[in-house]
Amino acid sequence: MKIMKNFEAAFVAAAVLATFASYATANESARIASAPVAAYTVAADAPMQVVVIKGKRLTAAQKAQLGA
């Protein structure tokens, strides 16, 4: 029973540390996240790339030959 109480104490301590760490780094992550936005706005003016795939469909005999 003593082991379970120790695990509970370790879990509570880890939860408290994680909570304080999230508050401590909240301002830092907002500053880091704002940096790539400027690079993204430059790419927004570029034309959208379109990929076109052309090919024949397989017949039933060809599909059976491939084992699909």
PDB file of N, CA and C in Angstrom:
ATOM      1  N   MET A   1       0.815  -1.190   0.000  1.00  0.00           N
ATOM      2  CA  MET A   1       0.000   0.000   0.000  1.00  0.00           C
ATOM      3  C   MET A   1       0.864   1.261   0.000  1.00  0.00           C
ATOM      4  N   LYS A   2       2.052   1.129   0.575  1.00  0.00           N
ATOM      5  CA  LYS A   2       2.942   2.275   0.653  1.00  0.00           C
ATOM      6  C   LYS A   2       3.436   2.674  -0.745  1.00  0.00           C
ATOM      7  N   ILE A   3       3.594   1.668  -1.620  1.00  0.00           N
ATOM      8  CA  ILE A   3       4.060   1.944  -2.976  1.00  0.00           C
ATOM      9  C   ILE A   3       3.020   2.767  -3.726  1.00  0.00           C
ATOM     10  N   MET A   4       1.763   2.441  -3.581  1.00  0.00           N
ATOM     11  CA  MET A   4       0.703   3.170  -4.266  1.00  0.00           C
ATOM     12  C   MET A   4       0.652   4.635  -3.821  1.00  0.00           C
ATOM     13  N   LYS A   5       0.883   4.874  -2.546  1.00  0.00           N
ATOM     14  CA  LYS A   5       0.901   6.253  -2.060  1.00  0.00           C
ATOM     15  C   LYS A   5       2.089   7.009  -2.642  1.00  0.00           C
ATOM     16  N   ASN A   6       3.212   6.326  -2.798  1.00  0.00           N
ATOM     17  CA  ASN A   6       4.381   6.975  -3.398  1.00  0.00           C
ATOM     18  C   ASN A   6       4.119   7.308  -4.867  1.00  0.00           C
ATOM     19  N   PHE A   7       3.456   6.391  -5.591  1.00  0.00           N
ATOM     20  CA  PHE A   7       3.120   6.670  -6.980  1.00  0.00           C
ATOM     21  C   PHE A   7       2.148   7.838  -7.081  1.00  0.00           C
ATOM     22  N   GLU A   8       1.216   7.895  -6.161  1.00  0.00           N
ATOM     23  CA  GLU A   8       0.262   8.996  -6.163  1.00  0.00           C
ATOM     24  C   GLU A   8       0.983  10.321  -5.926  1.00  0.00           C
ATOM     25  N   ALA A   9       1.912  10.331  -5.006  1.00  0.00           N
ATOM     26  CA  ALA A   9       2.672  11.550  -4.714  1.00  0.00           C
ATOM     27  C   ALA A   9       3.525  11.943  -5.916  1.00  0.00           C
ATOM     28  N   ALA A  10       4.120  10.968  -6.589  1.00  0.00           N
ATOM     29  CA  ALA A  10       4.936  11.274  -7.765  1.00  0.00           C
ATOM     30  C   ALA A  10       4.067  11.826  -8.892  1.00  0.00           C
ATOM     31  N   PHE A  11       2.872  11.270  -9.073  1.00  0.00           N
ATOM     32  CA  PHE A  11       1.961  11.758 -10.098  1.00  0.00           C
ATOM     33  C   PHE A  11       1.523  13.188  -9.811  1.00  0.00           C
ATOM     34  N   VAL A  12       1.171  13.463  -8.565  1.00  0.00           N
ATOM     35  CA  VAL A  12       0.738  14.813  -8.205  1.00  0.00           C
ATOM     36  C   VAL A  12       1.885  15.802  -8.402  1.00  0.00           C
ATOM     37  N   ALA A  13       3.098  15.415  -8.026  1.00  0.00           N
ATOM     38  CA  ALA A  13       4.250  16.295  -8.203  1.00  0.00           C
ATOM     39  C   ALA A  13       4.507  16.551  -9.688  1.00  0.00           C
ATOM     40  N   ALA A  14       4.389  15.513 -10.530  1.00  0.00           N
ATOM     41  CA  ALA A  14       4.597  15.684 -11.965  1.00  0.00           C
ATOM     42  C   ALA A  14       3.512  16.575 -12.565  1.00  0.00           C
ATOM     43  N   ALA A  15       2.277  16.425 -12.104  1.00  0.00           N
ATOM     44  CA  ALA A  15       1.185  17.261 -12.611  1.00  0.00           C
ATOM     45  C   ALA A  15       1.401  18.724 -12.229  1.00  0.00           C
ATOM     46  N   VAL A  16       1.862  18.970 -11.027  1.00  0.00           N
ATOM     47  CA  VAL A  16       2.122  20.346 -10.580  1.00  0.00           C
ATOM     48  C   VAL A  16       3.265  20.954 -11.387  1.00  0.00           C
ATOM     49  N   LEU A  17       4.324  20.187 -11.605  1.00  0.00           N
ATOM     50  CA  LEU A  17       5.454  20.694 -12.389  1.00  0.00           C
ATOM     51  C   LEU A  17       5.039  20.971 -13.834  1.00  0.00           C
ATOM     52  N   ALA A  18       4.221  20.109 -14.398  1.00  0.00           N
ATOM     53  CA  ALA A  18       3.774  20.315 -15.773  1.00  0.00           C
ATOM     54  C   ALA A  18       2.893  21.558 -15.880  1.00  0.00           C
ATOM     55  N   THR A  19       2.076  21.795 -14.874  1.00  0.00           N
ATOM     56  CA  THR A  19       1.224  22.976 -14.882  1.00  0.00           C
ATOM     57  C   THR A  19       2.056  24.250 -14.821  1.00  0.00           C
ATOM     58  N   PHE A  20       3.025  24.286 -13.925  1.00  0.00           N
ATOM     59  CA  PHE A  20       3.876  25.472 -13.825  1.00  0.00           C
ATOM     60  C   PHE A  20       4.738  25.644 -15.075  1.00  0.00           C
ATOM     61  N   ALA A  21       5.182  24.540 -15.652  1.00  0.00           N
ATOM     62  CA  ALA A  21       6.002  24.630 -16.860  1.00  0.00           C
ATOM     63  C   ALA A  21       5.188  25.180 -18.021  1.00  0.00           C
ATOM     64  N   SER A  22       3.912  24.802 -18.100  1.00  0.00           N
ATOM     65  CA  SER A  22       3.087  25.317 -19.194  1.00  0.00           C
ATOM     66  C   SER A  22       2.844  26.818 -19.038  1.00  0.00           C
ATOM     67  N   TYR A  23       2.686  27.278 -17.826  1.00  0.00           N
ATOM     68  CA  TYR A  23       2.537  28.713 -17.613  1.00  0.00           C
ATOM     69  C   TYR A  23       3.840  29.455 -17.874  1.00  0.00           C
ATOM     70  N   ALA A  24       4.954  28.840 -17.533  1.00  0.00           N
ATOM     71  CA  ALA A  24       6.244  29.503 -17.709  1.00  0.00           C
ATOM     72  C   ALA A  24       6.613  29.627 -19.184  1.00  0.00           C
ATOM     73  N   THR A  25       6.204  28.657 -19.994  1.00  0.00           N
ATOM     74  CA  THR A  25       6.574  28.680 -21.411  1.00  0.00           C
ATOM     75  C   THR A  25       5.458  29.204 -22.302  1.00  0.00           C
ATOM     76  N   ALA A  26       4.350  29.632 -21.745  1.00  0.00           N
ATOM     77  CA  ALA A  26       3.219  30.093 -22.563  1.00  0.00           C
ATOM     78  C   ALA A  26       3.596  31.319 -23.378  1.00  0.00           C
ATOM     79  N   ASN A  27       4.271  32.266 -22.813  1.00  0.00           N
ATOM     80  CA  ASN A  27       4.663  33.472 -23.525  1.00  0.00           C
ATOM     81  C   ASN A  27       5.743  33.160 -24.561  1.00  0.00           C
ATOM     82  N   GLU A  28       6.630  32.250 -24.265  1.00  0.00           N
ATOM     83  CA  GLU A  28       7.715  31.899 -25.176  1.00  0.00           C
ATOM     84  C   GLU A  28       7.176  31.237 -26.442  1.00  0.00           C
ATOM     85  N   SER A  29       6.240  30.333 -26.314  1.00  0.00           N
ATOM     86  CA  SER A  29       5.729  29.639 -27.494  1.00  0.00           C
ATOM     87  C   SER A  29       4.938  30.591 -28.399  1.00  0.00           C
ATOM     88  N   ALA A  30       4.302  31.604 -27.839  1.00  0.00           N
ATOM     89  CA  ALA A  30       3.581  32.568 -28.661  1.00  0.00           C
ATOM     90  C   ALA A  30       4.562  33.394 -29.493  1.00  0.00           C
ATOM     91  N   ARG A  31       5.708  33.697 -28.941  1.00  0.00           N
ATOM     92  CA  ARG A  31       6.721  34.452 -29.672  1.00  0.00           C
ATOM     93  C   ARG A  31       7.320  33.593 -30.781  1.00  0.00           C
ATOM     94  N   ILE A  32       7.555  32.325 -30.508  1.00  0.00           N
ATOM     95  CA  ILE A  32       8.130  31.428 -31.511  1.00  0.00           C
ATOM     96  C   ILE A  32       7.117  31.146 -32.610  1.00  0.00           C
ATOM     97  N   ALA A  33       5.878  30.990 -32.259  1.00  0.00           N
ATOM     98  CA  ALA A  33       4.854  30.665 -33.245  1.00  0.00           C
ATOM     99  C   ALA A  33       4.576  31.839 -34.181  1.00  0.00           C
ATOM    100  N   SER A  34       4.837  33.053 -33.751  1.00  0.00           N
ATOM    101  CA  SER A  34       4.550  34.198 -34.600  1.00  0.00           C
ATOM    102  C   SER A  34       5.617  34.406 -35.674  1.00  0.00           C
ATOM    103  N   ALA A  35       6.789  33.805 -35.542  1.00  0.00           N
ATOM    104  CA  ALA A  35       7.860  34.006 -36.514  1.00  0.00           C
ATOM    105  C   ALA A  35       7.523  33.433 -37.898  1.00  0.00           C
ATOM    106  N   PRO A  36       7.037  32.217 -38.046  1.00  0.00           N
ATOM    107  CA  PRO A  36       6.804  31.676 -39.386  1.00  0.00           C
ATOM    108  C   PRO A  36       5.631  32.328 -40.116  1.00  0.00           C
ATOM    109  N   VAL A  37       4.806  33.090 -39.448  1.00  0.00           N
ATOM    110  CA  VAL A  37       3.647  33.692 -40.098  1.00  0.00           C
ATOM    111  C   VAL A  37       4.075  34.640 -41.204  1.00  0.00           C
ATOM    112  N   ALA A  38       5.150  35.388 -40.995  1.00  0.00           N
ATOM    113  CA  ALA A  38       5.629  36.320 -42.011  1.00  0.00           C
ATOM    114  C   ALA A  38       6.076  35.574 -43.263  1.00  0.00           C
ATOM    115  N   ALA A  39       6.712  34.427 -43.112  1.00  0.00           N
ATOM    116  CA  ALA A  39       7.143  33.646 -44.266  1.00  0.00           C
ATOM    117  C   ALA A  39       5.936  33.046 -44.980  1.00  0.00           C
ATOM    118  N   TYR A  40       4.896  32.732 -44.242  1.00  0.00           N
ATOM    119  CA  TYR A  40       3.715  32.130 -44.844  1.00  0.00           C
ATOM    120  C   TYR A  40       2.950  33.154 -45.672  1.00  0.00           C
ATOM    121  N   THR A  41       2.904  34.395 -45.255  1.00  0.00           N
ATOM    122  CA  THR A  41       2.170  35.402 -46.008  1.00  0.00           C
ATOM    123  C   THR A  41       2.831  35.685 -47.350  1.00  0.00           C
ATOM    124  N   VAL A  42       4.133  35.531 -47.455  1.00  0.00           N
ATOM    125  CA  VAL A  42       4.826  35.713 -48.727  1.00  0.00           C
ATOM    126  C   VAL A  42       4.409  34.605 -49.691  1.00  0.00           C
ATOM    127  N   ALA A  43       4.282  33.388 -49.195  1.00  0.00           N
ATOM    128  CA  ALA A  43       3.918  32.254 -50.041  1.00  0.00           C
ATOM    129  C   ALA A  43       2.442  32.288 -50.419  1.00  0.00           C
ATOM    130  N   ALA A  44       1.629  33.025 -49.689  1.00  0.00           N
ATOM    131  CA  ALA A  44       0.198  33.062 -49.978  1.00  0.00           C
ATOM    132  C   ALA A  44      -0.094  33.747 -51.309  1.00  0.00           C
ATOM    133  N   ASP A  45       0.794  34.628 -51.777  1.00  0.00           N
ATOM    134  CA  ASP A  45       0.582  35.319 -53.042  1.00  0.00           C
ATOM    135  C   ASP A  45       0.942  34.451 -54.251  1.00  0.00           C
ATOM    136  N   ALA A  46       1.640  33.366 -54.044  1.00  0.00           N
ATOM    137  CA  ALA A  46       2.047  32.489 -55.140  1.00  0.00           C
ATOM    138  C   ALA A  46       0.830  31.723 -55.661  1.00  0.00           C
ATOM    139  N   PRO A  47       0.828  31.380 -56.960  1.00  0.00           N
ATOM    140  CA  PRO A  47      -0.302  30.620 -57.492  1.00  0.00           C
ATOM    141  C   PRO A  47      -0.334  29.205 -56.903  1.00  0.00           C
ATOM    142  N   MET A  48      -1.533  28.681 -56.771  1.00  0.00           N
ATOM    143  CA  MET A  48      -1.693  27.364 -56.187  1.00  0.00           C
ATOM    144  C   MET A  48      -1.205  26.294 -57.162  1.00  0.00           C
ATOM    145  N   GLN A  49      -0.457  25.353 -56.655  1.00  0.00           N
ATOM    146  CA  GLN A  49       0.034  24.270 -57.488  1.00  0.00           C
ATOM    147  C   GLN A  49      -1.052  23.218 -57.634  1.00  0.00           C
ATOM    148  N   VAL A  50      -1.215  22.725 -58.853  1.00  0.00           N
ATOM    149  CA  VAL A  50      -2.221  21.708 -59.133  1.00  0.00           C
ATOM    150  C   VAL A  50      -1.512  20.507 -59.729  1.00  0.00           C
ATOM    151  N   VAL A  51      -1.814  19.338 -59.198  1.00  0.00           N
ATOM    152  CA  VAL A  51      -1.231  18.102 -59.704  1.00  0.00           C
ATOM    153  C   VAL A  51      -2.301  17.359 -60.474  1.00  0.00           C
ATOM    154  N   VAL A  52      -2.010  17.040 -61.730  1.00  0.00           N
ATOM    155  CA  VAL A  52      -2.950  16.310 -62.572  1.00  0.00           C
ATOM    156  C   VAL A  52      -2.325  14.961 -62.895  1.00  0.00           C
ATOM    157  N   ILE A  53      -3.054  13.896 -62.603  1.00  0.00           N
ATOM    158  CA  ILE A  53      -2.576  12.545 -62.870  1.00  0.00           C
ATOM    159  C   ILE A  53      -3.424  11.964 -63.987  1.00  0.00           C
ATOM    160  N   LYS A  54      -2.760  11.574 -65.060  1.00  0.00           N
ATOM    161  CA  LYS A  54      -3.462  11.009 -66.202  1.00  0.00           C
ATOM    162  C   LYS A  54      -3.001   9.571 -66.393  1.00  0.00           C
ATOM    163  N   GLY A  55      -3.939   8.700 -66.678  1.00  0.00           N
ATOM    164  CA  GLY A  55      -3.593   7.304 -66.918  1.00  0.00           C
ATOM    165  C   GLY A  55      -4.830   6.504 -67.254  1.00  0.00           C
ATOM    166  N   LYS A  56      -4.605   5.354 -67.862  1.00  0.00           N
ATOM    167  CA  LYS A  56      -5.725   4.486 -68.217  1.00  0.00           C
ATOM    168  C   LYS A  56      -6.137   3.668 -67.000  1.00  0.00           C
ATOM    169  N   ARG A  57      -7.412   3.353 -66.935  1.00  0.00           N
ATOM    170  CA  ARG A  57      -7.896   2.460 -65.894  1.00  0.00           C
ATOM    171  C   ARG A  57      -7.619   1.024 -66.314  1.00  0.00           C
ATOM    172  N   LEU A  58      -7.362   0.191 -65.330  1.00  0.00           N
ATOM    173  CA  LEU A  58      -7.130  -1.213 -65.618  1.00  0.00           C
ATOM    174  C   LEU A  58      -8.448  -1.917 -65.890  1.00  0.00           C
ATOM    175  N   THR A  59      -8.405  -2.863 -66.787  1.00  0.00           N
ATOM    176  CA  THR A  59      -9.592  -3.683 -67.041  1.00  0.00           C
ATOM    177  C   THR A  59      -9.676  -4.725 -65.947  1.00  0.00           C
ATOM    178  N   ALA A  60     -10.803  -5.442 -65.901  1.00  0.00           N
ATOM    179  CA  ALA A  60     -10.994  -6.466 -64.876  1.00  0.00           C
ATOM    180  C   ALA A  60      -9.956  -7.576 -65.044  1.00  0.00           C
ATOM    181  N   ALA A  61      -9.600  -7.902 -66.275  1.00  0.00           N
ATOM    182  CA  ALA A  61      -8.614  -8.957 -66.502  1.00  0.00           C
ATOM    183  C   ALA A  61      -7.237  -8.520 -66.003  1.00  0.00           C
ATOM    184  N   GLN A  62      -6.888  -7.268 -66.210  1.00  0.00           N
ATOM    185  CA  GLN A  62      -5.594  -6.772 -65.740  1.00  0.00           C
ATOM    186  C   GLN A  62      -5.539  -6.714 -64.218  1.00  0.00           C
ATOM    187  N   LYS A  63      -6.662  -6.352 -63.594  1.00  0.00           N
ATOM    188  CA  LYS A  63      -6.707  -6.339 -62.127  1.00  0.00           C
ATOM    189  C   LYS A  63      -6.552  -7.744 -61.571  1.00  0.00           C
ATOM    190  N   ALA A  64      -7.209  -8.707 -62.216  1.00  0.00           N
ATOM    191  CA  ALA A  64      -7.122 -10.098 -61.758  1.00  0.00           C
ATOM    192  C   ALA A  64      -5.703 -10.614 -61.934  1.00  0.00           C
ATOM    193  N   GLN A  65      -5.033 -10.174 -62.981  1.00  0.00           N
ATOM    194  CA  GLN A  65      -3.666 -10.610 -63.214  1.00  0.00           C
ATOM    195  C   GLN A  65      -2.727 -10.066 -62.139  1.00  0.00           C
ATOM    196  N   LEU A  66      -2.969  -8.853 -61.672  1.00  0.00           N
ATOM    197  CA  LEU A  66      -2.144  -8.258 -60.634  1.00  0.00           C
ATOM    198  C   LEU A  66      -2.443  -8.820 -59.243  1.00  0.00           C
ATOM    199  N   GLY A  67      -3.611  -9.435 -59.111  1.00  0.00           N
ATOM    200  CA  GLY A  67      -3.993 -10.001 -57.824  1.00  0.00           C
ATOM    201  C   GLY A  67      -4.689  -9.010 -56.927  1.00  0.00           C
ATOM    202  N   ALA A  68      -5.159  -7.898 -57.493  1.00  0.00           N
ATOM    203  CA  ALA A  68      -5.810  -6.870 -56.692  1.00  0.00           C
ATOM    204  C   ALA A  68      -7.281  -7.101 -56.590  1.00  0.00           C
TER     205      ALA A  68
END
